[in-house]
Amino acid sequence: MSDNGASAEPQLVPLNAIFADDFVELLIPVMSNNTMAEVAEAVAHHTVGVRVRDRGLPKMVVHNNRIVPEDVTVADAGIGPLDHIRVDWVE
């Protein structure tokens, strides 16, 4: 059975991620339909309040040296399995 790209089913996308103030890289499972806001929170969940102090600021996702808008999905941003992202504070 071939897929012609018309499938709208969300796919699991494991990402290599690091929170800007952390020293531990994480493998974070997200879905292709997750927004960057959701991805940032998924990474922060494992870091902020654990190894990084919560600064109470919004968070952003950086992929390939570009800030990805918070409402863009993983799929729409062109982020693929095992790609590296960095989550940072918006100051």
N, C-alpha and C. Protein backbone atom coordinates (compact mmCIF):
# COMPACT_ATOMS: atom_id res chain seq x y z
N MET A 1 0.84 -1.18 0.00
CA MET A 1 0.00 0.00 0.00
C MET A 1 0.88 1.24 0.00
N SER A 2 0.70 2.11 -0.93
CA SER A 2 1.54 3.31 -1.01
C SER A 2 0.81 4.50 -0.41
N ASP A 3 1.61 5.43 0.07
CA ASP A 3 1.07 6.66 0.65
C ASP A 3 1.37 7.78 -0.32
N ASN A 4 0.33 8.45 -0.78
CA ASN A 4 0.52 9.52 -1.74
C ASN A 4 0.68 10.88 -1.08
N GLY A 5 0.87 10.90 0.26
CA GLY A 5 1.06 12.15 0.97
C GLY A 5 -0.25 12.75 1.45
N ALA A 6 -1.37 12.10 1.15
CA ALA A 6 -2.67 12.64 1.54
C ALA A 6 -3.04 12.27 2.97
N SER A 7 -2.26 11.45 3.60
CA SER A 7 -2.55 11.02 4.96
C SER A 7 -2.41 12.18 5.93
N ALA A 8 -3.45 12.37 6.73
CA ALA A 8 -3.42 13.45 7.72
C ALA A 8 -3.15 12.90 9.12
N GLU A 9 -2.84 11.61 9.20
CA GLU A 9 -2.58 11.00 10.50
C GLU A 9 -1.29 11.55 11.10
N PRO A 10 -1.36 12.04 12.35
CA PRO A 10 -0.13 12.51 13.00
C PRO A 10 0.87 11.37 13.17
N GLN A 11 2.13 11.71 13.02
CA GLN A 11 3.21 10.72 13.13
C GLN A 11 4.08 11.06 14.33
N LEU A 12 4.63 10.04 14.96
CA LEU A 12 5.58 10.22 16.05
C LEU A 12 6.89 10.75 15.47
N VAL A 13 7.43 11.81 16.10
CA VAL A 13 8.69 12.40 15.65
C VAL A 13 9.60 12.56 16.86
N PRO A 14 10.54 11.64 17.06
CA PRO A 14 11.49 11.80 18.17
C PRO A 14 12.51 12.88 17.82
N LEU A 15 12.70 13.82 18.76
CA LEU A 15 13.62 14.93 18.52
C LEU A 15 14.75 14.94 19.53
N ASN A 16 15.93 15.30 19.08
CA ASN A 16 17.04 15.60 19.99
C ASN A 16 16.85 17.04 20.41
N ALA A 17 16.78 17.27 21.70
CA ALA A 17 16.46 18.62 22.18
C ALA A 17 17.32 18.99 23.37
N ILE A 18 17.60 20.29 23.45
CA ILE A 18 18.31 20.82 24.60
C ILE A 18 17.65 22.13 24.99
N PHE A 19 17.53 22.34 26.28
CA PHE A 19 17.05 23.61 26.79
C PHE A 19 18.27 24.51 26.94
N ALA A 20 18.18 25.75 26.52
CA ALA A 20 19.34 26.64 26.40
C ALA A 20 20.21 26.71 27.65
N ASP A 21 19.63 26.69 28.84
CA ASP A 21 20.41 26.81 30.06
C ASP A 21 20.80 25.46 30.65
N ASP A 22 20.53 24.38 29.96
CA ASP A 22 20.79 23.03 30.46
C ASP A 22 22.05 22.46 29.81
N PHE A 23 22.55 21.39 30.38
CA PHE A 23 23.73 20.72 29.83
C PHE A 23 23.41 19.31 29.36
N VAL A 24 22.15 18.89 29.50
CA VAL A 24 21.74 17.53 29.13
C VAL A 24 20.89 17.58 27.87
N GLU A 25 21.31 16.84 26.85
CA GLU A 25 20.50 16.71 25.65
C GLU A 25 19.48 15.61 25.88
N LEU A 26 18.27 15.82 25.39
CA LEU A 26 17.16 14.91 25.64
C LEU A 26 16.63 14.35 24.32
N LEU A 27 16.05 13.17 24.40
CA LEU A 27 15.30 12.62 23.28
C LEU A 27 13.83 12.77 23.65
N ILE A 28 13.14 13.64 22.93
CA ILE A 28 11.76 13.99 23.26
C ILE A 28 10.83 13.50 22.16
N PRO A 29 9.86 12.64 22.51
CA PRO A 29 8.89 12.20 21.50
C PRO A 29 7.77 13.24 21.38
N VAL A 30 7.54 13.73 20.18
CA VAL A 30 6.43 14.63 19.91
C VAL A 30 5.67 14.09 18.70
N MET A 31 4.55 14.70 18.42
CA MET A 31 3.77 14.29 17.25
C MET A 31 3.92 15.35 16.16
N SER A 32 3.77 14.93 14.93
CA SER A 32 3.95 15.83 13.79
C SER A 32 2.96 16.99 13.80
N ASN A 33 1.83 16.85 14.49
CA ASN A 33 0.84 17.92 14.55
C ASN A 33 0.99 18.79 15.80
N ASN A 34 2.00 18.54 16.64
CA ASN A 34 2.26 19.40 17.79
C ASN A 34 2.78 20.75 17.32
N THR A 35 2.34 21.82 17.99
CA THR A 35 2.85 23.16 17.68
C THR A 35 4.19 23.36 18.39
N MET A 36 4.90 24.39 17.99
CA MET A 36 6.18 24.71 18.64
C MET A 36 5.96 25.07 20.10
N ALA A 37 4.83 25.68 20.43
CA ALA A 37 4.52 25.98 21.84
C ALA A 37 4.43 24.68 22.63
N GLU A 38 3.80 23.66 22.07
CA GLU A 38 3.69 22.36 22.74
C GLU A 38 5.04 21.66 22.82
N VAL A 39 5.84 21.76 21.77
CA VAL A 39 7.17 21.16 21.77
C VAL A 39 8.04 21.82 22.84
N ALA A 40 8.00 23.15 22.91
CA ALA A 40 8.79 23.86 23.92
C ALA A 40 8.40 23.42 25.32
N GLU A 41 7.12 23.24 25.58
CA GLU A 41 6.67 22.80 26.90
C GLU A 41 7.10 21.36 27.18
N ALA A 42 7.10 20.51 26.15
CA ALA A 42 7.53 19.12 26.34
C ALA A 42 9.00 19.06 26.75
N VAL A 43 9.82 19.90 26.14
CA VAL A 43 11.24 19.94 26.50
C VAL A 43 11.40 20.55 27.89
N ALA A 44 10.71 21.64 28.14
CA ALA A 44 10.81 22.33 29.44
C ALA A 44 10.36 21.44 30.59
N HIS A 45 9.40 20.57 30.34
CA HIS A 45 8.89 19.66 31.38
C HIS A 45 10.01 18.85 32.03
N HIS A 46 10.99 18.48 31.24
CA HIS A 46 12.09 17.64 31.72
C HIS A 46 13.28 18.44 32.25
N THR A 47 13.22 19.75 32.14
CA THR A 47 14.37 20.59 32.45
C THR A 47 14.08 21.68 33.46
N VAL A 48 13.07 22.50 33.17
CA VAL A 48 12.76 23.65 34.02
C VAL A 48 12.23 23.17 35.37
N GLY A 49 12.86 23.67 36.41
CA GLY A 49 12.51 23.23 37.76
C GLY A 49 13.26 21.99 38.18
N VAL A 50 14.00 21.40 37.26
CA VAL A 50 14.82 20.22 37.56
C VAL A 50 16.29 20.62 37.60
N ARG A 51 16.81 21.09 36.46
CA ARG A 51 18.20 21.55 36.39
C ARG A 51 18.30 23.03 36.03
N VAL A 52 17.18 23.60 35.59
CA VAL A 52 17.15 25.00 35.16
C VAL A 52 16.08 25.74 35.96
N ARG A 53 16.46 26.91 36.46
CA ARG A 53 15.52 27.74 37.23
C ARG A 53 14.44 28.28 36.29
N ASP A 54 13.20 28.25 36.77
CA ASP A 54 12.08 28.79 35.99
C ASP A 54 12.16 30.31 36.01
N ARG A 55 12.31 30.91 34.86
CA ARG A 55 12.42 32.35 34.77
C ARG A 55 11.07 33.01 34.49
N GLY A 56 10.03 32.21 34.32
CA GLY A 56 8.70 32.75 34.10
C GLY A 56 8.53 33.48 32.77
N LEU A 57 9.35 33.16 31.81
CA LEU A 57 9.29 33.79 30.49
C LEU A 57 8.73 32.82 29.46
N PRO A 58 8.18 33.34 28.37
CA PRO A 58 7.76 32.45 27.29
C PRO A 58 8.97 31.72 26.70
N LYS A 59 8.70 30.65 25.98
CA LYS A 59 9.76 29.84 25.39
C LYS A 59 9.63 29.81 23.87
N MET A 60 10.76 29.60 23.21
CA MET A 60 10.76 29.50 21.75
C MET A 60 11.58 28.29 21.33
N VAL A 61 11.28 27.79 20.14
CA VAL A 61 12.01 26.67 19.56
C VAL A 61 12.90 27.19 18.44
N VAL A 62 14.16 26.76 18.45
CA VAL A 62 15.12 27.11 17.40
C VAL A 62 15.50 25.83 16.67
N HIS A 63 15.35 25.86 15.34
CA HIS A 63 15.70 24.71 14.51
C HIS A 63 16.51 25.23 13.33
N ASN A 64 17.68 24.65 13.11
CA ASN A 64 18.57 25.09 12.03
C ASN A 64 18.83 26.59 12.09
N ASN A 65 19.10 27.08 13.29
CA ASN A 65 19.44 28.49 13.52
C ASN A 65 18.32 29.47 13.18
N ARG A 66 17.08 29.00 13.17
CA ARG A 66 15.96 29.91 12.95
C ARG A 66 14.91 29.68 14.02
N ILE A 67 14.31 30.76 14.47
CA ILE A 67 13.23 30.67 15.44
C ILE A 67 11.97 30.27 14.69
N VAL A 68 11.33 29.21 15.18
CA VAL A 68 10.11 28.72 14.54
C VAL A 68 8.92 29.32 15.29
N PRO A 69 8.00 30.00 14.60
CA PRO A 69 6.84 30.58 15.27
C PRO A 69 6.07 29.54 16.09
N GLU A 70 5.54 29.99 17.23
CA GLU A 70 4.93 29.05 18.19
C GLU A 70 3.70 28.33 17.67
N ASP A 71 3.03 28.85 16.66
CA ASP A 71 1.82 28.21 16.15
C ASP A 71 2.08 27.26 14.98
N VAL A 72 3.33 27.14 14.56
CA VAL A 72 3.69 26.24 13.46
C VAL A 72 3.85 24.83 14.00
N THR A 73 3.38 23.84 13.25
CA THR A 73 3.50 22.45 13.69
C THR A 73 4.87 21.89 13.31
N VAL A 74 5.18 20.78 13.92
CA VAL A 74 6.44 20.08 13.63
C VAL A 74 6.52 19.77 12.13
N ALA A 75 5.46 19.23 11.58
CA ALA A 75 5.45 18.88 10.15
C ALA A 75 5.61 20.11 9.27
N ASP A 76 4.87 21.17 9.58
CA ASP A 76 4.94 22.39 8.76
C ASP A 76 6.30 23.08 8.86
N ALA A 77 7.00 22.88 9.97
CA ALA A 77 8.32 23.48 10.14
C ALA A 77 9.40 22.66 9.43
N GLY A 78 9.03 21.48 8.94
CA GLY A 78 10.01 20.63 8.25
C GLY A 78 10.97 19.95 9.21
N ILE A 79 10.55 19.78 10.46
CA ILE A 79 11.39 19.12 11.45
C ILE A 79 11.13 17.62 11.36
N GLY A 80 12.20 16.86 11.20
CA GLY A 80 12.08 15.42 11.02
C GLY A 80 12.63 14.64 12.19
N PRO A 81 12.45 13.33 12.16
CA PRO A 81 12.93 12.45 13.23
C PRO A 81 14.43 12.66 13.48
N LEU A 82 14.75 12.80 14.76
CA LEU A 82 16.10 12.96 15.28
C LEU A 82 16.77 14.28 14.91
N ASP A 83 16.01 15.21 14.35
CA ASP A 83 16.54 16.56 14.15
C ASP A 83 16.85 17.17 15.51
N HIS A 84 17.76 18.12 15.53
CA HIS A 84 18.14 18.79 16.78
C HIS A 84 17.40 20.13 16.88
N ILE A 85 16.79 20.34 18.05
CA ILE A 85 16.16 21.63 18.34
C ILE A 85 16.72 22.15 19.65
N ARG A 86 16.62 23.46 19.82
CA ARG A 86 17.00 24.10 21.08
C ARG A 86 15.81 24.92 21.53
N VAL A 87 15.49 24.83 22.81
CA VAL A 87 14.43 25.64 23.39
C VAL A 87 15.10 26.69 24.25
N ASP A 88 14.66 27.93 24.07
CA ASP A 88 15.27 29.05 24.80
C ASP A 88 14.16 29.95 25.34
N TRP A 89 14.54 30.83 26.21
CA TRP A 89 13.62 31.82 26.76
C TRP A 89 13.45 32.95 25.74
N VAL A 90 12.24 33.49 25.66
CA VAL A 90 12.00 34.70 24.87
C VAL A 90 12.19 35.87 25.82
N GLU A 91 13.16 36.70 25.53
CA GLU A 91 13.45 37.84 26.41
C GLU A 91 13.09 39.14 25.75
